[in-house]
Amino acid sequence: VQLVESGGGLVQSGGSLTISCTASGRIFSWRSMAWYRQAPGKQREWVARINEVDGNTYYPDFARGRFTIYRNTTKNTVHLQMNSLKPEDTAVYYCAGAYIYGGVGYPMPTETYQYDFWGQGTQVTVSS
């Protein structure tokens, strides 16, 4: 299974950008897909999550109201629409997929180690 992100780039502060993640290879029944980001010198942090079973979405405070995660199950893609971008949103954004956590007997994934597959990342740079 491969996860490939795309759509990153340079955007001005206050602008919008949508990044995408395409899953290919042997597709399992994903329990949850998520976006994380990592800025230079900082730890990887969670940005958004969507549960495959019910489509519910979850965000940390900094992303709620500005970012939207959504999926296209027929195309095996998940997207992150980012609005009102700020320079502090500059980071490499990673797509992650979980098929164990979120399944029977397992809680929904909330930690990086609970995700089974990761993409290579896409750079998002927000200029001031």
N, C-alpha and C. Protein backbone atom coordinates (compact mmCIF):
# COMPACT_ATOMS: atom_id res chain seq x y z
N VAL A 1 0.85 -1.19 0.00
CA VAL A 1 0.00 0.00 0.00
C VAL A 1 0.88 1.24 0.00
N GLN A 2 0.52 2.16 -0.85
CA GLN A 2 1.25 3.42 -0.89
C GLN A 2 0.29 4.57 -0.71
N LEU A 3 0.73 5.57 0.00
CA LEU A 3 -0.01 6.82 0.13
C LEU A 3 0.85 7.90 -0.50
N VAL A 4 0.27 8.64 -1.42
CA VAL A 4 1.02 9.67 -2.13
C VAL A 4 0.29 10.99 -1.99
N GLU A 5 0.96 11.96 -1.39
CA GLU A 5 0.38 13.29 -1.23
C GLU A 5 0.71 14.15 -2.45
N SER A 6 -0.13 15.11 -2.69
CA SER A 6 0.10 16.06 -3.77
C SER A 6 -0.63 17.36 -3.45
N GLY A 7 -0.26 18.40 -4.19
CA GLY A 7 -0.98 19.66 -4.08
C GLY A 7 -0.33 20.70 -3.20
N GLY A 8 0.80 20.36 -2.59
CA GLY A 8 1.48 21.35 -1.77
C GLY A 8 2.06 22.47 -2.62
N GLY A 9 2.47 23.54 -1.95
CA GLY A 9 3.05 24.65 -2.68
C GLY A 9 3.16 25.88 -1.81
N LEU A 10 3.36 27.00 -2.49
CA LEU A 10 3.53 28.29 -1.83
C LEU A 10 2.23 29.08 -1.94
N VAL A 11 1.78 29.61 -0.82
CA VAL A 11 0.54 30.39 -0.81
C VAL A 11 0.74 31.58 0.12
N GLN A 12 0.06 32.66 -0.18
CA GLN A 12 0.16 33.85 0.67
C GLN A 12 -0.69 33.70 1.92
N SER A 13 -0.29 34.40 2.94
CA SER A 13 -1.07 34.42 4.18
C SER A 13 -2.50 34.85 3.90
N GLY A 14 -3.44 34.11 4.47
CA GLY A 14 -4.85 34.38 4.22
C GLY A 14 -5.43 33.60 3.06
N GLY A 15 -4.56 32.95 2.31
CA GLY A 15 -5.01 32.20 1.14
C GLY A 15 -5.48 30.80 1.49
N SER A 16 -5.82 30.06 0.45
CA SER A 16 -6.34 28.71 0.60
C SER A 16 -5.54 27.73 -0.24
N LEU A 17 -5.58 26.49 0.19
CA LEU A 17 -4.88 25.43 -0.55
C LEU A 17 -5.54 24.11 -0.20
N THR A 18 -5.66 23.25 -1.19
CA THR A 18 -6.17 21.91 -0.95
C THR A 18 -5.10 20.90 -1.32
N ILE A 19 -4.76 20.05 -0.39
CA ILE A 19 -3.79 18.99 -0.66
C ILE A 19 -4.54 17.65 -0.67
N SER A 20 -3.95 16.71 -1.39
CA SER A 20 -4.63 15.43 -1.60
C SER A 20 -3.73 14.26 -1.28
N CYS A 21 -4.36 13.14 -0.98
CA CYS A 21 -3.64 11.90 -0.70
C CYS A 21 -4.34 10.77 -1.44
N THR A 22 -3.58 10.05 -2.24
CA THR A 22 -4.13 8.94 -3.00
C THR A 22 -3.54 7.64 -2.49
N ALA A 23 -4.41 6.70 -2.18
CA ALA A 23 -3.98 5.38 -1.72
C ALA A 23 -3.94 4.43 -2.91
N SER A 24 -2.86 3.72 -3.06
CA SER A 24 -2.75 2.76 -4.16
C SER A 24 -2.16 1.46 -3.63
N GLY A 25 -2.18 0.48 -4.48
CA GLY A 25 -1.70 -0.82 -4.08
C GLY A 25 -2.83 -1.66 -3.53
N ARG A 26 -2.50 -2.55 -2.63
CA ARG A 26 -3.49 -3.43 -2.04
C ARG A 26 -4.30 -2.66 -0.99
N ILE A 27 -5.51 -2.32 -1.34
CA ILE A 27 -6.32 -1.46 -0.51
C ILE A 27 -7.03 -2.28 0.56
N PHE A 28 -6.76 -1.96 1.80
CA PHE A 28 -7.48 -2.58 2.89
C PHE A 28 -8.69 -1.73 3.23
N SER A 29 -9.45 -2.21 4.17
CA SER A 29 -10.58 -1.45 4.63
C SER A 29 -10.07 -0.47 5.68
N TRP A 30 -9.83 0.75 5.26
CA TRP A 30 -9.31 1.76 6.16
C TRP A 30 -10.30 2.04 7.27
N ARG A 31 -9.79 2.16 8.46
CA ARG A 31 -10.63 2.57 9.59
C ARG A 31 -10.60 4.07 9.76
N SER A 32 -9.47 4.66 9.46
CA SER A 32 -9.32 6.09 9.68
C SER A 32 -8.21 6.62 8.80
N MET A 33 -8.41 7.81 8.31
CA MET A 33 -7.37 8.51 7.56
C MET A 33 -7.13 9.83 8.27
N ALA A 34 -5.91 10.29 8.21
CA ALA A 34 -5.57 11.52 8.92
C ALA A 34 -4.51 12.30 8.18
N TRP A 35 -4.44 13.57 8.53
CA TRP A 35 -3.35 14.44 8.10
C TRP A 35 -2.57 14.87 9.34
N TYR A 36 -1.27 14.83 9.20
CA TYR A 36 -0.35 15.35 10.20
C TYR A 36 0.55 16.36 9.51
N ARG A 37 1.26 17.13 10.30
CA ARG A 37 2.23 18.06 9.73
C ARG A 37 3.44 18.15 10.65
N GLN A 38 4.54 18.53 10.04
CA GLN A 38 5.77 18.68 10.81
C GLN A 38 6.56 19.87 10.28
N ALA A 39 6.76 20.83 11.14
CA ALA A 39 7.57 22.01 10.80
C ALA A 39 9.01 21.75 11.23
N PRO A 40 9.95 22.45 10.64
CA PRO A 40 11.37 22.25 11.00
C PRO A 40 11.59 22.45 12.49
N GLY A 41 12.26 21.48 13.11
CA GLY A 41 12.58 21.58 14.52
C GLY A 41 11.44 21.29 15.46
N LYS A 42 10.30 20.89 14.92
CA LYS A 42 9.14 20.61 15.76
C LYS A 42 8.68 19.17 15.59
N GLN A 43 7.90 18.71 16.56
CA GLN A 43 7.36 17.37 16.47
C GLN A 43 6.20 17.32 15.48
N ARG A 44 5.97 16.13 14.98
CA ARG A 44 4.84 15.95 14.08
C ARG A 44 3.55 16.14 14.87
N GLU A 45 2.63 16.91 14.32
CA GLU A 45 1.38 17.16 15.02
C GLU A 45 0.18 16.82 14.15
N TRP A 46 -0.86 16.41 14.82
CA TRP A 46 -2.08 16.00 14.17
C TRP A 46 -2.84 17.21 13.65
N VAL A 47 -3.41 17.09 12.44
CA VAL A 47 -4.12 18.19 11.79
C VAL A 47 -5.61 17.88 11.62
N ALA A 48 -5.92 16.66 11.21
CA ALA A 48 -7.32 16.31 10.96
C ALA A 48 -7.44 14.80 10.85
N ARG A 49 -8.63 14.29 11.11
CA ARG A 49 -8.89 12.86 11.00
C ARG A 49 -10.30 12.63 10.51
N ILE A 50 -10.46 11.61 9.67
CA ILE A 50 -11.80 11.21 9.23
C ILE A 50 -11.95 9.71 9.45
N ASN A 51 -13.07 9.33 10.05
CA ASN A 51 -13.33 7.91 10.29
C ASN A 51 -14.05 7.33 9.06
N GLU A 52 -13.57 6.21 8.59
CA GLU A 52 -14.13 5.63 7.38
C GLU A 52 -15.53 5.08 7.59
N VAL A 53 -15.82 4.58 8.77
CA VAL A 53 -17.10 3.93 9.00
C VAL A 53 -18.25 4.92 8.93
N ASP A 54 -18.11 6.05 9.62
CA ASP A 54 -19.24 6.98 9.71
C ASP A 54 -18.97 8.33 9.09
N GLY A 55 -17.73 8.54 8.62
CA GLY A 55 -17.40 9.81 7.99
C GLY A 55 -17.22 10.96 8.95
N ASN A 56 -17.27 10.69 10.25
CA ASN A 56 -17.07 11.77 11.21
C ASN A 56 -15.66 12.32 11.11
N THR A 57 -15.55 13.62 11.32
CA THR A 57 -14.27 14.30 11.23
C THR A 57 -13.89 14.93 12.56
N TYR A 58 -12.60 15.05 12.77
CA TYR A 58 -12.07 15.57 14.04
C TYR A 58 -10.89 16.47 13.74
N TYR A 59 -10.77 17.53 14.52
CA TYR A 59 -9.70 18.51 14.33
C TYR A 59 -9.18 18.99 15.68
N PRO A 60 -7.90 19.35 15.72
CA PRO A 60 -7.41 20.06 16.90
C PRO A 60 -7.88 21.50 16.84
N ASP A 61 -7.70 22.21 17.92
CA ASP A 61 -8.23 23.58 18.00
C ASP A 61 -7.70 24.48 16.88
N PHE A 62 -6.41 24.37 16.57
CA PHE A 62 -5.85 25.31 15.60
C PHE A 62 -6.40 25.10 14.19
N ALA A 63 -6.93 23.91 13.92
CA ALA A 63 -7.42 23.60 12.58
C ALA A 63 -8.94 23.75 12.45
N ARG A 64 -9.62 23.62 13.56
CA ARG A 64 -11.09 23.64 13.52
C ARG A 64 -11.59 24.98 12.99
N GLY A 65 -12.46 24.91 12.00
CA GLY A 65 -13.00 26.12 11.40
C GLY A 65 -12.22 26.63 10.22
N ARG A 66 -10.96 26.21 10.07
CA ARG A 66 -10.14 26.64 8.93
C ARG A 66 -9.86 25.50 7.97
N PHE A 67 -9.70 24.29 8.52
CA PHE A 67 -9.34 23.13 7.70
C PHE A 67 -10.52 22.18 7.61
N THR A 68 -10.61 21.51 6.46
CA THR A 68 -11.66 20.51 6.27
C THR A 68 -11.06 19.27 5.62
N ILE A 69 -11.25 18.13 6.25
CA ILE A 69 -10.82 16.86 5.67
C ILE A 69 -12.04 16.19 5.05
N TYR A 70 -11.86 15.65 3.86
CA TYR A 70 -12.96 14.93 3.21
C TYR A 70 -12.37 13.85 2.31
N ARG A 71 -13.21 12.92 1.93
CA ARG A 71 -12.72 11.76 1.20
C ARG A 71 -13.54 11.50 -0.05
N ASN A 72 -12.93 10.76 -0.95
CA ASN A 72 -13.63 10.24 -2.12
C ASN A 72 -13.33 8.74 -2.14
N THR A 73 -14.26 7.96 -1.65
CA THR A 73 -14.00 6.54 -1.48
C THR A 73 -13.84 5.82 -2.81
N THR A 74 -14.51 6.28 -3.85
CA THR A 74 -14.39 5.60 -5.13
C THR A 74 -13.01 5.81 -5.76
N LYS A 75 -12.38 6.90 -5.40
CA LYS A 75 -11.05 7.19 -5.95
C LYS A 75 -9.94 6.92 -4.95
N ASN A 76 -10.32 6.40 -3.77
CA ASN A 76 -9.34 6.13 -2.72
C ASN A 76 -8.50 7.36 -2.41
N THR A 77 -9.16 8.49 -2.32
CA THR A 77 -8.44 9.71 -2.00
C THR A 77 -9.02 10.38 -0.76
N VAL A 78 -8.17 11.12 -0.09
CA VAL A 78 -8.59 11.97 1.01
C VAL A 78 -7.92 13.32 0.82
N HIS A 79 -8.65 14.37 1.12
CA HIS A 79 -8.19 15.71 0.84
C HIS A 79 -8.21 16.56 2.10
N LEU A 80 -7.40 17.60 2.08
CA LEU A 80 -7.41 18.56 3.17
C LEU A 80 -7.51 19.95 2.56
N GLN A 81 -8.66 20.56 2.78
CA GLN A 81 -8.84 21.94 2.32
C GLN A 81 -8.45 22.86 3.45
N MET A 82 -7.55 23.79 3.15
CA MET A 82 -7.04 24.70 4.18
C MET A 82 -7.35 26.13 3.78
N ASN A 83 -8.06 26.82 4.63
CA ASN A 83 -8.42 28.21 4.40
C ASN A 83 -7.77 29.11 5.43
N SER A 84 -7.74 30.40 5.13
CA SER A 84 -7.18 31.39 6.06
C SER A 84 -5.81 30.96 6.57
N LEU A 85 -4.98 30.56 5.65
CA LEU A 85 -3.67 30.04 6.03
C LEU A 85 -2.79 31.12 6.66
N LYS A 86 -1.96 30.67 7.60
CA LYS A 86 -1.07 31.55 8.33
C LYS A 86 0.37 31.07 8.14
N PRO A 87 1.33 31.95 8.31
CA PRO A 87 2.73 31.51 8.18
C PRO A 87 3.07 30.34 9.10
N GLU A 88 2.44 30.27 10.26
CA GLU A 88 2.71 29.16 11.18
C GLU A 88 2.13 27.83 10.71
N ASP A 89 1.37 27.85 9.62
CA ASP A 89 0.90 26.60 9.02
C ASP A 89 1.95 25.98 8.11
N THR A 90 3.04 26.69 7.90
CA THR A 90 4.12 26.17 7.06
C THR A 90 4.69 24.90 7.65
N ALA A 91 4.69 23.84 6.85
CA ALA A 91 5.16 22.53 7.33
C ALA A 91 5.11 21.54 6.18
N VAL A 92 5.67 20.38 6.42
CA VAL A 92 5.45 19.24 5.53
C VAL A 92 4.20 18.52 6.05
N TYR A 93 3.25 18.31 5.16
CA TYR A 93 1.99 17.68 5.53
C TYR A 93 2.02 16.22 5.08
N TYR A 94 1.66 15.34 6.01
CA TYR A 94 1.68 13.90 5.77
C TYR A 94 0.28 13.31 5.87
N CYS A 95 0.02 12.39 4.98
CA CYS A 95 -1.20 11.61 5.02
C CYS A 95 -0.90 10.29 5.73
N ALA A 96 -1.85 9.81 6.52
CA ALA A 96 -1.66 8.56 7.24
C ALA A 96 -2.95 7.75 7.21
N GLY A 97 -2.79 6.44 7.18
CA GLY A 97 -3.95 5.56 7.16
C GLY A 97 -3.84 4.47 8.22
N ALA A 98 -4.95 4.15 8.86
CA ALA A 98 -4.97 3.10 9.88
C ALA A 98 -6.02 2.07 9.49
N TYR A 99 -5.67 0.78 9.61
CA TYR A 99 -6.68 -0.25 9.39
C TYR A 99 -6.77 -1.23 10.54
N ILE A 100 -5.95 -1.03 11.58
CA ILE A 100 -6.09 -1.85 12.78
C ILE A 100 -6.82 -1.05 13.84
N TYR A 101 -6.22 0.08 14.21
CA TYR A 101 -6.88 0.93 15.19
C TYR A 101 -8.14 1.51 14.55
N GLY A 102 -9.19 1.46 15.27
CA GLY A 102 -10.50 1.86 14.79
C GLY A 102 -11.35 0.65 14.43
N GLY A 103 -10.70 -0.53 14.39
CA GLY A 103 -11.43 -1.75 14.12
C GLY A 103 -11.99 -2.36 15.40
N VAL A 104 -12.53 -3.56 15.29
CA VAL A 104 -13.15 -4.22 16.44
C VAL A 104 -12.12 -4.40 17.56
N GLY A 105 -12.44 -3.92 18.73
CA GLY A 105 -11.56 -4.08 19.88
C GLY A 105 -10.47 -3.04 19.99
N TYR A 106 -10.42 -2.12 19.05
CA TYR A 106 -9.39 -1.09 19.07
C TYR A 106 -10.04 0.29 19.07
N PRO A 107 -9.46 1.22 19.81
CA PRO A 107 -9.98 2.59 19.76
C PRO A 107 -9.57 3.27 18.46
N MET A 108 -10.21 4.37 18.16
CA MET A 108 -9.81 5.13 16.99
C MET A 108 -8.39 5.66 17.19
N PRO A 109 -7.61 5.70 16.13
CA PRO A 109 -6.22 6.14 16.29
C PRO A 109 -6.12 7.62 16.64
N THR A 110 -5.29 7.91 17.59
CA THR A 110 -5.05 9.29 17.99
C THR A 110 -3.56 9.59 18.10
N GLU A 111 -2.72 8.57 17.96
CA GLU A 111 -1.28 8.73 18.06
C GLU A 111 -0.64 8.26 16.76
N THR A 112 0.53 8.81 16.47
CA THR A 112 1.17 8.50 15.19
C THR A 112 1.47 7.01 15.05
N TYR A 113 1.83 6.33 16.14
CA TYR A 113 2.20 4.92 16.04
C TYR A 113 1.00 4.04 15.71
N GLN A 114 -0.19 4.57 15.85
CA GLN A 114 -1.40 3.80 15.58
C GLN A 114 -1.81 3.83 14.11
N TYR A 115 -1.05 4.55 13.32
CA TYR A 115 -1.29 4.58 11.88
C TYR A 115 -0.32 3.63 11.19
N ASP A 116 -0.86 2.88 10.25
CA ASP A 116 -0.10 1.80 9.62
C ASP A 116 0.69 2.24 8.40
N PHE A 117 0.21 3.22 7.70
CA PHE A 117 0.87 3.66 6.47
C PHE A 117 0.96 5.18 6.46
N TRP A 118 2.06 5.64 5.90
CA TRP A 118 2.32 7.07 5.80
C TRP A 118 2.78 7.42 4.39
N GLY A 119 2.42 8.61 3.97
CA GLY A 119 2.94 9.11 2.72
C GLY A 119 4.28 9.78 2.94
N GLN A 120 4.86 10.28 1.85
CA GLN A 120 6.18 10.89 1.91
C GLN A 120 6.12 12.37 2.29
N GLY A 121 4.94 12.93 2.25
CA GLY A 121 4.77 14.32 2.64
C GLY A 121 4.74 15.28 1.47
N THR A 122 4.08 16.39 1.67
CA THR A 122 4.05 17.46 0.69
C THR A 122 4.26 18.78 1.42
N GLN A 123 5.11 19.63 0.85
CA GLN A 123 5.49 20.88 1.51
C GLN A 123 4.43 21.94 1.28
N VAL A 124 4.00 22.57 2.35
CA VAL A 124 3.12 23.72 2.29
C VAL A 124 3.85 24.89 2.93
N THR A 125 4.00 25.96 2.15
CA THR A 125 4.69 27.14 2.64
C THR A 125 3.75 28.34 2.54
N VAL A 126 3.55 29.01 3.65
CA VAL A 126 2.68 30.17 3.69
C VAL A 126 3.54 31.40 3.92
N SER A 127 3.52 32.31 2.97
CA SER A 127 4.34 33.52 3.06
C SER A 127 3.55 34.63 3.75
N SER A 128 4.27 35.45 4.47
CA SER A 128 3.61 36.54 5.21
C SER A 128 3.49 37.79 4.35
